[in-house]
Amino acid sequence: MKKLTVYLIGIIMLLLNAAALQAENETSSALPATTIENIESAETEILVERIEYIDEMDKSDLSSSEKRELRKEVRSIQKELVQRGTYIYISGTAIIIILLLILLL
């Protein structure tokens, strides 16, 4: 049982180290982080303003095909905004391993 615990801790440390190295490689880019954030926030503002503009439009004069195009555009903008959001994903296996380590230690 003691060997299993040592092996599990070793494997987890290796995985965490590999994840940290991968994250470090992904964060290094040609543009500074503040510039990237400013560009993303400006693009996000433009998309939000477009959605607000479409919401405020008088749609009673539009044909059904034009309304359909506007709905498609709003949906695509909303999907893009959701994709730009920051999410943390932890798999079920990772949660189980973390809980087991907490209980064993």
PDB file of N, CA and C in Angstrom:
ATOM      1  N   MET A   1       0.824  -1.185   0.000  1.00  0.00           N
ATOM      2  CA  MET A   1       0.000   0.000   0.000  1.00  0.00           C
ATOM      3  C   MET A   1       0.868   1.247   0.000  1.00  0.00           C
ATOM      4  N   LYS A   2       2.003   1.176   0.730  1.00  0.00           N
ATOM      5  CA  LYS A   2       2.892   2.323   0.816  1.00  0.00           C
ATOM      6  C   LYS A   2       3.562   2.592  -0.534  1.00  0.00           C
ATOM      7  N   LYS A   3       3.940   1.525  -1.238  1.00  0.00           N
ATOM      8  CA  LYS A   3       4.557   1.685  -2.545  1.00  0.00           C
ATOM      9  C   LYS A   3       3.567   2.299  -3.535  1.00  0.00           C
ATOM     10  N   LEU A   4       2.326   1.874  -3.466  1.00  0.00           N
ATOM     11  CA  LEU A   4       1.295   2.405  -4.358  1.00  0.00           C
ATOM     12  C   LEU A   4       1.119   3.906  -4.152  1.00  0.00           C
ATOM     13  N   THR A   5       1.130   4.331  -2.906  1.00  0.00           N
ATOM     14  CA  THR A   5       0.994   5.755  -2.596  1.00  0.00           C
ATOM     15  C   THR A   5       2.182   6.534  -3.152  1.00  0.00           C
ATOM     16  N   VAL A   6       3.374   6.004  -2.996  1.00  0.00           N
ATOM     17  CA  VAL A   6       4.570   6.680  -3.496  1.00  0.00           C
ATOM     18  C   VAL A   6       4.525   6.762  -5.018  1.00  0.00           C
ATOM     19  N   TYR A   7       4.117   5.683  -5.667  1.00  0.00           N
ATOM     20  CA  TYR A   7       4.025   5.681  -7.120  1.00  0.00           C
ATOM     21  C   TYR A   7       2.974   6.682  -7.605  1.00  0.00           C
ATOM     22  N   LEU A   8       1.825   6.709  -6.949  1.00  0.00           N
ATOM     23  CA  LEU A   8       0.774   7.661  -7.341  1.00  0.00           C
ATOM     24  C   LEU A   8       1.242   9.107  -7.180  1.00  0.00           C
ATOM     25  N   ILE A   9       1.906   9.400  -6.099  1.00  0.00           N
ATOM     26  CA  ILE A   9       2.406  10.755  -5.881  1.00  0.00           C
ATOM     27  C   ILE A   9       3.446  11.105  -6.949  1.00  0.00           C
ATOM     28  N   GLY A  10       4.311  10.158  -7.276  1.00  0.00           N
ATOM     29  CA  GLY A  10       5.323  10.392  -8.318  1.00  0.00           C
ATOM     30  C   GLY A  10       4.695  10.653  -9.677  1.00  0.00           C
ATOM     31  N   ILE A  11       3.693   9.875 -10.020  1.00  0.00           N
ATOM     32  CA  ILE A  11       3.015  10.044 -11.305  1.00  0.00           C
ATOM     33  C   ILE A  11       2.321  11.397 -11.362  1.00  0.00           C
ATOM     34  N   ILE A  12       1.666  11.765 -10.294  1.00  0.00           N
ATOM     35  CA  ILE A  12       0.956  13.049 -10.256  1.00  0.00           C
ATOM     36  C   ILE A  12       1.939  14.209 -10.353  1.00  0.00           C
ATOM     37  N   MET A  13       3.082  14.090  -9.683  1.00  0.00           N
ATOM     38  CA  MET A  13       4.086  15.148  -9.771  1.00  0.00           C
ATOM     39  C   MET A  13       4.608  15.285 -11.194  1.00  0.00           C
ATOM     40  N   LEU A  14       4.824  14.171 -11.867  1.00  0.00           N
ATOM     41  CA  LEU A  14       5.277  14.222 -13.258  1.00  0.00           C
ATOM     42  C   LEU A  14       4.233  14.867 -14.160  1.00  0.00           C
ATOM     43  N   LEU A  15       2.975  14.510 -13.952  1.00  0.00           N
ATOM     44  CA  LEU A  15       1.907  15.095 -14.764  1.00  0.00           C
ATOM     45  C   LEU A  15       1.768  16.592 -14.514  1.00  0.00           C
ATOM     46  N   LEU A  16       1.869  17.002 -13.263  1.00  0.00           N
ATOM     47  CA  LEU A  16       1.773  18.429 -12.945  1.00  0.00           C
ATOM     48  C   LEU A  16       2.949  19.197 -13.538  1.00  0.00           C
ATOM     49  N   ASN A  17       4.127  18.601 -13.501  1.00  0.00           N
ATOM     50  CA  ASN A  17       5.298  19.239 -14.078  1.00  0.00           C
ATOM     51  C   ASN A  17       5.141  19.373 -15.589  1.00  0.00           C
ATOM     52  N   ALA A  18       4.642  18.349 -16.246  1.00  0.00           N
ATOM     53  CA  ALA A  18       4.432  18.396 -17.691  1.00  0.00           C
ATOM     54  C   ALA A  18       3.382  19.452 -18.045  1.00  0.00           C
ATOM     55  N   ALA A  19       2.334  19.541 -17.250  1.00  0.00           N
ATOM     56  CA  ALA A  19       1.294  20.541 -17.504  1.00  0.00           C
ATOM     57  C   ALA A  19       1.845  21.950 -17.315  1.00  0.00           C
ATOM     58  N   ALA A  20       2.697  22.133 -16.308  1.00  0.00           N
ATOM     59  CA  ALA A  20       3.282  23.457 -16.076  1.00  0.00           C
ATOM     60  C   ALA A  20       4.206  23.854 -17.219  1.00  0.00           C
ATOM     61  N   LEU A  21       4.980  22.915 -17.720  1.00  0.00           N
ATOM     62  CA  LEU A  21       5.867  23.209 -18.847  1.00  0.00           C
ATOM     63  C   LEU A  21       5.074  23.541 -20.102  1.00  0.00           C
ATOM     64  N   GLN A  22       4.006  22.806 -20.316  1.00  0.00           N
ATOM     65  CA  GLN A  22       3.166  23.065 -21.484  1.00  0.00           C
ATOM     66  C   GLN A  22       2.506  24.436 -21.378  1.00  0.00           C
ATOM     67  N   ALA A  23       2.022  24.789 -20.207  1.00  0.00           N
ATOM     68  CA  ALA A  23       1.406  26.097 -20.013  1.00  0.00           C
ATOM     69  C   ALA A  23       2.421  27.213 -20.205  1.00  0.00           C
ATOM     70  N   GLU A  24       3.647  26.988 -19.771  1.00  0.00           N
ATOM     71  CA  GLU A  24       4.699  27.994 -19.935  1.00  0.00           C
ATOM     72  C   GLU A  24       5.013  28.209 -21.408  1.00  0.00           C
ATOM     73  N   ASN A  25       5.039  27.129 -22.179  1.00  0.00           N
ATOM     74  CA  ASN A  25       5.307  27.243 -23.609  1.00  0.00           C
ATOM     75  C   ASN A  25       4.176  27.953 -24.341  1.00  0.00           C
ATOM     76  N   GLU A  26       2.945  27.721 -23.930  1.00  0.00           N
ATOM     77  CA  GLU A  26       1.797  28.332 -24.594  1.00  0.00           C
ATOM     78  C   GLU A  26       1.699  29.822 -24.297  1.00  0.00           C
ATOM     79  N   THR A  27       2.141  30.252 -23.130  1.00  0.00           N
ATOM     80  CA  THR A  27       1.999  31.660 -22.760  1.00  0.00           C
ATOM     81  C   THR A  27       3.035  32.538 -23.426  1.00  0.00           C
ATOM     82  N   SER A  28       4.151  31.980 -23.836  1.00  0.00           N
ATOM     83  CA  SER A  28       5.160  32.810 -24.497  1.00  0.00           C
ATOM     84  C   SER A  28       4.720  33.074 -25.929  1.00  0.00           C
ATOM     85  N   SER A  29       4.571  34.366 -26.268  1.00  0.00           N
ATOM     86  CA  SER A  29       4.170  34.740 -27.608  1.00  0.00           C
ATOM     87  C   SER A  29       4.899  36.004 -28.006  1.00  0.00           C
ATOM     88  N   ALA A  30       4.679  36.447 -29.240  1.00  0.00           N
ATOM     89  CA  ALA A  30       5.370  37.625 -29.749  1.00  0.00           C
ATOM     90  C   ALA A  30       4.854  38.906 -29.105  1.00  0.00           C
ATOM     91  N   LEU A  31       3.568  38.967 -28.789  1.00  0.00           N
ATOM     92  CA  LEU A  31       2.984  40.158 -28.185  1.00  0.00           C
ATOM     93  C   LEU A  31       2.944  40.023 -26.672  1.00  0.00           C
ATOM     94  N   PRO A  32       3.145  41.126 -25.956  1.00  0.00           N
ATOM     95  CA  PRO A  32       3.000  41.067 -24.501  1.00  0.00           C
ATOM     96  C   PRO A  32       1.564  40.741 -24.106  1.00  0.00           C
ATOM     97  N   ALA A  33       1.393  40.214 -22.916  1.00  0.00           N
ATOM     98  CA  ALA A  33       0.074  39.779 -22.455  1.00  0.00           C
ATOM     99  C   ALA A  33      -0.901  40.946 -22.376  1.00  0.00           C
ATOM    100  N   THR A  34      -0.432  42.112 -21.963  1.00  0.00           N
ATOM    101  CA  THR A  34      -1.337  43.259 -21.848  1.00  0.00           C
ATOM    102  C   THR A  34      -1.854  43.679 -23.211  1.00  0.00           C
ATOM    103  N   THR A  35      -1.021  43.609 -24.240  1.00  0.00           N
ATOM    104  CA  THR A  35      -1.450  43.963 -25.589  1.00  0.00           C
ATOM    105  C   THR A  35      -2.503  42.981 -26.084  1.00  0.00           C
ATOM    106  N   ILE A  36      -2.282  41.713 -25.828  1.00  0.00           N
ATOM    107  CA  ILE A  36      -3.244  40.696 -26.248  1.00  0.00           C
ATOM    108  C   ILE A  36      -4.571  40.908 -25.537  1.00  0.00           C
ATOM    109  N   GLU A  37      -4.523  41.201 -24.242  1.00  0.00           N
ATOM    110  CA  GLU A  37      -5.752  41.436 -23.486  1.00  0.00           C
ATOM    111  C   GLU A  37      -6.480  42.667 -23.998  1.00  0.00           C
ATOM    112  N   ASN A  38      -5.735  43.727 -24.337  1.00  0.00           N
ATOM    113  CA  ASN A  38      -6.358  44.936 -24.864  1.00  0.00           C
ATOM    114  C   ASN A  38      -7.031  44.675 -26.205  1.00  0.00           C
ATOM    115  N   ILE A  39      -6.385  43.898 -27.050  1.00  0.00           N
ATOM    116  CA  ILE A  39      -6.962  43.572 -28.357  1.00  0.00           C
ATOM    117  C   ILE A  39      -8.223  42.748 -28.166  1.00  0.00           C
ATOM    118  N   GLU A  40      -8.164  41.748 -27.291  1.00  0.00           N
ATOM    119  CA  GLU A  40      -9.329  40.892 -27.065  1.00  0.00           C
ATOM    120  C   GLU A  40     -10.481  41.677 -26.452  1.00  0.00           C
ATOM    121  N   SER A  41     -10.182  42.573 -25.524  1.00  0.00           N
ATOM    122  CA  SER A  41     -11.255  43.346 -24.908  1.00  0.00           C
ATOM    123  C   SER A  41     -11.869  44.314 -25.916  1.00  0.00           C
ATOM    124  N   ALA A  42     -11.054  44.882 -26.803  1.00  0.00           N
ATOM    125  CA  ALA A  42     -11.584  45.779 -27.833  1.00  0.00           C
ATOM    126  C   ALA A  42     -12.477  45.014 -28.804  1.00  0.00           C
ATOM    127  N   GLU A  43     -12.043  43.820 -29.196  1.00  0.00           N
ATOM    128  CA  GLU A  43     -12.861  42.996 -30.100  1.00  0.00           C
ATOM    129  C   GLU A  43     -14.155  42.578 -29.420  1.00  0.00           C
ATOM    130  N   THR A  44     -14.078  42.251 -28.149  1.00  0.00           N
ATOM    131  CA  THR A  44     -15.273  41.876 -27.404  1.00  0.00           C
ATOM    132  C   THR A  44     -16.243  43.042 -27.321  1.00  0.00           C
ATOM    133  N   GLU A  45     -15.718  44.238 -27.082  1.00  0.00           N
ATOM    134  CA  GLU A  45     -16.577  45.422 -27.034  1.00  0.00           C
ATOM    135  C   GLU A  45     -17.287  45.648 -28.355  1.00  0.00           C
ATOM    136  N   ILE A  46     -16.577  45.459 -29.455  1.00  0.00           N
ATOM    137  CA  ILE A  46     -17.175  45.634 -30.777  1.00  0.00           C
ATOM    138  C   ILE A  46     -18.313  44.642 -30.979  1.00  0.00           C
ATOM    139  N   LEU A  47     -18.090  43.398 -30.576  1.00  0.00           N
ATOM    140  CA  LEU A  47     -19.131  42.376 -30.735  1.00  0.00           C
ATOM    141  C   LEU A  47     -20.351  42.684 -29.874  1.00  0.00           C
ATOM    142  N   VAL A  48     -20.130  43.128 -28.641  1.00  0.00           N
ATOM    143  CA  VAL A  48     -21.240  43.460 -27.747  1.00  0.00           C
ATOM    144  C   VAL A  48     -22.017  44.656 -28.294  1.00  0.00           C
ATOM    145  N   GLU A  49     -21.299  45.653 -28.824  1.00  0.00           N
ATOM    146  CA  GLU A  49     -21.971  46.807 -29.409  1.00  0.00           C
ATOM    147  C   GLU A  49     -22.817  46.402 -30.611  1.00  0.00           C
ATOM    148  N   ARG A  50     -22.325  45.459 -31.403  1.00  0.00           N
ATOM    149  CA  ARG A  50     -23.094  44.987 -32.566  1.00  0.00           C
ATOM    150  C   ARG A  50     -24.382  44.302 -32.105  1.00  0.00           C
ATOM    151  N   ILE A  51     -24.304  43.488 -31.061  1.00  0.00           N
ATOM    152  CA  ILE A  51     -25.506  42.829 -30.543  1.00  0.00           C
ATOM    153  C   ILE A  51     -26.487  43.866 -30.021  1.00  0.00           C
ATOM    154  N   GLU A  52     -25.996  44.868 -29.296  1.00  0.00           N
ATOM    155  CA  GLU A  52     -26.881  45.920 -28.795  1.00  0.00           C
ATOM    156  C   GLU A  52     -27.527  46.685 -29.937  1.00  0.00           C
ATOM    157  N   TYR A  53     -26.768  46.957 -30.999  1.00  0.00           N
ATOM    158  CA  TYR A  53     -27.303  47.673 -32.154  1.00  0.00           C
ATOM    159  C   TYR A  53     -28.425  46.857 -32.816  1.00  0.00           C
ATOM    160  N   ILE A  54     -28.204  45.567 -32.941  1.00  0.00           N
ATOM    161  CA  ILE A  54     -29.224  44.704 -33.555  1.00  0.00           C
ATOM    162  C   ILE A  54     -30.465  44.659 -32.680  1.00  0.00           C
ATOM    163  N   ASP A  55     -30.292  44.613 -31.367  1.00  0.00           N
ATOM    164  CA  ASP A  55     -31.444  44.587 -30.457  1.00  0.00           C
ATOM    165  C   ASP A  55     -32.262  45.867 -30.547  1.00  0.00           C
ATOM    166  N   GLU A  56     -31.584  46.998 -30.760  1.00  0.00           N
ATOM    167  CA  GLU A  56     -32.282  48.279 -30.799  1.00  0.00           C
ATOM    168  C   GLU A  56     -32.906  48.586 -32.160  1.00  0.00           C
ATOM    169  N   MET A  57     -32.593  47.763 -33.164  1.00  0.00           N
ATOM    170  CA  MET A  57     -33.122  48.013 -34.511  1.00  0.00           C
ATOM    171  C   MET A  57     -34.636  47.854 -34.555  1.00  0.00           C
ATOM    172  N   ASP A  58     -35.251  48.610 -35.470  1.00  0.00           N
ATOM    173  CA  ASP A  58     -36.681  48.443 -35.740  1.00  0.00           C
ATOM    174  C   ASP A  58     -36.816  47.333 -36.771  1.00  0.00           C
ATOM    175  N   LYS A  59     -37.233  46.179 -36.321  1.00  0.00           N
ATOM    176  CA  LYS A  59     -37.267  45.010 -37.198  1.00  0.00           C
ATOM    177  C   LYS A  59     -38.610  44.814 -37.887  1.00  0.00           C
ATOM    178  N   SER A  60     -39.532  45.718 -37.654  1.00  0.00           N
ATOM    179  CA  SER A  60     -40.852  45.564 -38.262  1.00  0.00           C
ATOM    180  C   SER A  60     -40.807  45.783 -39.775  1.00  0.00           C
ATOM    181  N   ASP A  61     -39.825  46.525 -40.265  1.00  0.00           N
ATOM    182  CA  ASP A  61     -39.729  46.784 -41.695  1.00  0.00           C
ATOM    183  C   ASP A  61     -38.941  45.718 -42.445  1.00  0.00           C
ATOM    184  N   LEU A  62     -38.321  44.813 -41.728  1.00  0.00           N
ATOM    185  CA  LEU A  62     -37.471  43.810 -42.361  1.00  0.00           C
ATOM    186  C   LEU A  62     -38.287  42.613 -42.834  1.00  0.00           C
ATOM    187  N   SER A  63     -37.795  41.971 -43.881  1.00  0.00           N
ATOM    188  CA  SER A  63     -38.445  40.752 -44.356  1.00  0.00           C
ATOM    189  C   SER A  63     -38.021  39.583 -43.460  1.00  0.00           C
ATOM    190  N   SER A  64     -38.678  38.463 -43.642  1.00  0.00           N
ATOM    191  CA  SER A  64     -38.378  37.301 -42.790  1.00  0.00           C
ATOM    192  C   SER A  64     -36.965  36.783 -43.043  1.00  0.00           C
ATOM    193  N   SER A  65     -36.483  36.855 -44.272  1.00  0.00           N
ATOM    194  CA  SER A  65     -35.124  36.384 -44.560  1.00  0.00           C
ATOM    195  C   SER A  65     -34.086  37.301 -43.902  1.00  0.00           C
ATOM    196  N   GLU A  66     -34.350  38.610 -43.880  1.00  0.00           N
ATOM    197  CA  GLU A  66     -33.430  39.536 -43.222  1.00  0.00           C
ATOM    198  C   GLU A  66     -33.415  39.311 -41.712  1.00  0.00           C
ATOM    199  N   LYS A  67     -34.590  39.055 -41.141  1.00  0.00           N
ATOM    200  CA  LYS A  67     -34.666  38.763 -39.710  1.00  0.00           C
ATOM    201  C   LYS A  67     -33.903  37.485 -39.386  1.00  0.00           C
ATOM    202  N   ARG A  68     -34.028  36.490 -40.259  1.00  0.00           N
ATOM    203  CA  ARG A  68     -33.336  35.220 -40.064  1.00  0.00           C
ATOM    204  C   ARG A  68     -31.818  35.443 -40.081  1.00  0.00           C
ATOM    205  N   GLU A  69     -31.347  36.272 -41.015  1.00  0.00           N
ATOM    206  CA  GLU A  69     -29.922  36.570 -41.086  1.00  0.00           C
ATOM    207  C   GLU A  69     -29.435  37.268 -39.814  1.00  0.00           C
ATOM    208  N   LEU A  70     -30.245  38.180 -39.287  1.00  0.00           N
ATOM    209  CA  LEU A  70     -29.874  38.862 -38.053  1.00  0.00           C
ATOM    210  C   LEU A  70     -29.805  37.884 -36.882  1.00  0.00           C
ATOM    211  N   ARG A  71     -30.770  36.961 -36.818  1.00  0.00           N
ATOM    212  CA  ARG A  71     -30.752  35.962 -35.742  1.00  0.00           C
ATOM    213  C   ARG A  71     -29.498  35.089 -35.832  1.00  0.00           C
ATOM    214  N   LYS A  72     -29.151  34.689 -37.068  1.00  0.00           N
ATOM    215  CA  LYS A  72     -27.950  33.877 -37.238  1.00  0.00           C
ATOM    216  C   LYS A  72     -26.705  34.644 -36.818  1.00  0.00           C
ATOM    217  N   GLU A  73     -26.669  35.926 -37.166  1.00  0.00           N
ATOM    218  CA  GLU A  73     -25.515  36.741 -36.793  1.00  0.00           C
ATOM    219  C   GLU A  73     -25.400  36.878 -35.276  1.00  0.00           C
ATOM    220  N   VAL A  74     -26.530  37.115 -34.614  1.00  0.00           N
ATOM    221  CA  VAL A  74     -26.517  37.249 -33.152  1.00  0.00           C
ATOM    222  C   VAL A  74     -26.077  35.943 -32.504  1.00  0.00           C
ATOM    223  N   ARG A  75     -26.561  34.826 -33.003  1.00  0.00           N
ATOM    224  CA  ARG A  75     -26.167  33.532 -32.440  1.00  0.00           C
ATOM    225  C   ARG A  75     -24.680  33.282 -32.614  1.00  0.00           C
ATOM    226  N   SER A  76     -24.146  33.606 -33.791  1.00  0.00           N
ATOM    227  CA  SER A  76     -22.719  33.377 -34.024  1.00  0.00           C
ATOM    228  C   SER A  76     -21.870  34.291 -33.137  1.00  0.00           C
ATOM    229  N   ILE A  77     -22.312  35.528 -32.941  1.00  0.00           N
ATOM    230  CA  ILE A  77     -21.582  36.442 -32.057  1.00  0.00           C
ATOM    231  C   ILE A  77     -21.622  35.934 -30.627  1.00  0.00           C
ATOM    232  N   GLN A  78     -22.785  35.458 -30.189  1.00  0.00           N
ATOM    233  CA  GLN A  78     -22.902  34.940 -28.827  1.00  0.00           C
ATOM    234  C   GLN A  78     -22.014  33.720 -28.628  1.00  0.00           C
ATOM    235  N   LYS A  79     -21.943  32.831 -29.620  1.00  0.00           N
ATOM    236  CA  LYS A  79     -21.071  31.660 -29.514  1.00  0.00           C
ATOM    237  C   LYS A  79     -19.610  32.083 -29.410  1.00  0.00           C
ATOM    238  N   GLU A  80     -19.238  33.075 -30.205  1.00  0.00           N
ATOM    239  CA  GLU A  80     -17.856  33.553 -30.167  1.00  0.00           C
ATOM    240  C   GLU A  80     -17.526  34.173 -28.815  1.00  0.00           C
ATOM    241  N   LEU A  81     -18.478  34.911 -28.239  1.00  0.00           N
ATOM    242  CA  LEU A  81     -18.247  35.516 -26.926  1.00  0.00           C
ATOM    243  C   LEU A  81     -18.111  34.451 -25.844  1.00  0.00           C
ATOM    244  N   VAL A  82     -18.894  33.392 -25.952  1.00  0.00           N
ATOM    245  CA  VAL A  82     -18.796  32.300 -24.976  1.00  0.00           C
ATOM    246  C   VAL A  82     -17.444  31.610 -25.105  1.00  0.00           C
ATOM    247  N   GLN A  83     -16.962  31.431 -26.341  1.00  0.00           N
ATOM    248  CA  GLN A  83     -15.672  30.780 -26.548  1.00  0.00           C
ATOM    249  C   GLN A  83     -14.521  31.614 -26.013  1.00  0.00           C
ATOM    250  N   ARG A  84     -14.667  32.931 -26.024  1.00  0.00           N
ATOM    251  CA  ARG A  84     -13.613  33.805 -25.516  1.00  0.00           C
ATOM    252  C   ARG A  84     -13.584  33.842 -24.001  1.00  0.00           C
ATOM    253  N   GLY A  85     -14.633  33.369 -23.354  1.00  0.00           N
ATOM    254  CA  GLY A  85     -14.684  33.388 -21.890  1.00  0.00           C
ATOM    255  C   GLY A  85     -13.627  32.488 -21.290  1.00  0.00           C
ATOM    256  N   THR A  86     -13.323  32.719 -20.046  1.00  0.00           N
ATOM    257  CA  THR A  86     -12.315  31.937 -19.346  1.00  0.00           C
ATOM    258  C   THR A  86     -12.997  30.832 -18.541  1.00  0.00           C
ATOM    259  N   TYR A  87     -12.618  29.611 -18.821  1.00  0.00           N
ATOM    260  CA  TYR A  87     -13.194  28.465 -18.135  1.00  0.00           C
ATOM    261  C   TYR A  87     -12.071  27.580 -17.620  1.00  0.00           C
ATOM    262  N   ILE A  88     -12.308  26.968 -16.495  1.00  0.00           N
ATOM    263  CA  ILE A  88     -11.368  26.001 -15.944  1.00  0.00           C
ATOM    264  C   ILE A  88     -12.048  24.647 -16.011  1.00  0.00           C
ATOM    265  N   TYR A  89     -11.415  23.719 -16.690  1.00  0.00           N
ATOM    266  CA  TYR A  89     -11.985  22.391 -16.859  1.00  0.00           C
ATOM    267  C   TYR A  89     -11.140  21.389 -16.090  1.00  0.00           C
ATOM    268  N   ILE A  90     -11.777  20.670 -15.178  1.00  0.00           N
ATOM    269  CA  ILE A  90     -11.110  19.607 -14.432  1.00  0.00           C
ATOM    270  C   ILE A  90     -11.902  18.330 -14.686  1.00  0.00           C
ATOM    271  N   SER A  91     -11.240  17.331 -15.194  1.00  0.00           N
ATOM    272  CA  SER A  91     -11.915  16.083 -15.511  1.00  0.00           C
ATOM    273  C   SER A  91     -12.303  15.344 -14.238  1.00  0.00           C
ATOM    274  N   GLY A  92     -13.213  14.420 -14.377  1.00  0.00           N
ATOM    275  CA  GLY A  92     -13.672  13.627 -13.236  1.00  0.00           C
ATOM    276  C   GLY A  92     -12.571  12.789 -12.637  1.00  0.00           C
ATOM    277  N   THR A  93     -11.700  12.266 -13.492  1.00  0.00           N
ATOM    278  CA  THR A  93     -10.581  11.457 -13.015  1.00  0.00           C
ATOM    279  C   THR A  93      -9.632  12.297 -12.170  1.00  0.00           C
ATOM    280  N   ALA A  94      -9.386  13.524 -12.603  1.00  0.00           N
ATOM    281  CA  ALA A  94      -8.486  14.400 -11.836  1.00  0.00           C
ATOM    282  C   ALA A  94      -9.068  14.703 -10.464  1.00  0.00           C
ATOM    283  N   ILE A  95     -10.368  14.914 -10.403  1.00  0.00           N
ATOM    284  CA  ILE A  95     -11.017  15.188  -9.115  1.00  0.00           C
ATOM    285  C   ILE A  95     -10.901  13.980  -8.191  1.00  0.00           C
ATOM    286  N   ILE A  96     -11.105  12.791  -8.740  1.00  0.00           N
ATOM    287  CA  ILE A  96     -11.007  11.566  -7.936  1.00  0.00           C
ATOM    288  C   ILE A  96      -9.583  11.389  -7.415  1.00  0.00           C
ATOM    289  N   ILE A  97      -8.588  11.633  -8.269  1.00  0.00           N
ATOM    290  CA  ILE A  97      -7.189  11.492  -7.846  1.00  0.00           C
ATOM    291  C   ILE A  97      -6.866  12.500  -6.752  1.00  0.00           C
ATOM    292  N   ILE A  98      -7.330  13.733  -6.925  1.00  0.00           N
ATOM    293  CA  ILE A  98      -7.078  14.761  -5.915  1.00  0.00           C
ATOM    294  C   ILE A  98      -7.707  14.375  -4.582  1.00  0.00           C
ATOM    295  N   LEU A  99      -8.943  13.905  -4.619  1.00  0.00           N
ATOM    296  CA  LEU A  99      -9.615  13.485  -3.391  1.00  0.00           C
ATOM    297  C   LEU A  99      -8.899  12.312  -2.722  1.00  0.00           C
ATOM    298  N   LEU A 100      -8.464  11.349  -3.521  1.00  0.00           N
ATOM    299  CA  LEU A 100      -7.725  10.217  -2.961  1.00  0.00           C
ATOM    300  C   LEU A 100      -6.423  10.662  -2.314  1.00  0.00           C
ATOM    301  N   LEU A 101      -5.726  11.582  -2.956  1.00  0.00           N
ATOM    302  CA  LEU A 101      -4.487  12.080  -2.360  1.00  0.00           C
ATOM    303  C   LEU A 101      -4.742  12.821  -1.051  1.00  0.00           C
ATOM    304  N   ILE A 102      -5.804  13.587  -1.025  1.00  0.00           N
ATOM    305  CA  ILE A 102      -6.136  14.314   0.202  1.00  0.00           C
ATOM    306  C   ILE A 102      -6.461  13.328   1.320  1.00  0.00           C
ATOM    307  N   LEU A 103      -7.213  12.299   1.004  1.00  0.00           N
ATOM    308  CA  LEU A 103      -7.580  11.308   2.017  1.00  0.00           C
ATOM    309  C   LEU A 103      -6.370  10.473   2.477  1.00  0.00           C
ATOM    310  N   LEU A 104      -5.475  10.160   1.545  1.00  0.00           N
ATOM    311  CA  LEU A 104      -4.319   9.345   1.909  1.00  0.00           C
ATOM    312  C   LEU A 104      -3.270  10.137   2.671  1.00  0.00           C
ATOM    313  N   LEU A 105      -3.163  11.402   2.366  1.00  0.00           N
ATOM    314  CA  LEU A 105      -2.137  12.208   3.056  1.00  0.00           C
ATOM    315  C   LEU A 105      -2.783  12.841   4.225  1.00  0.00           C
TER     316      LEU A 105
END
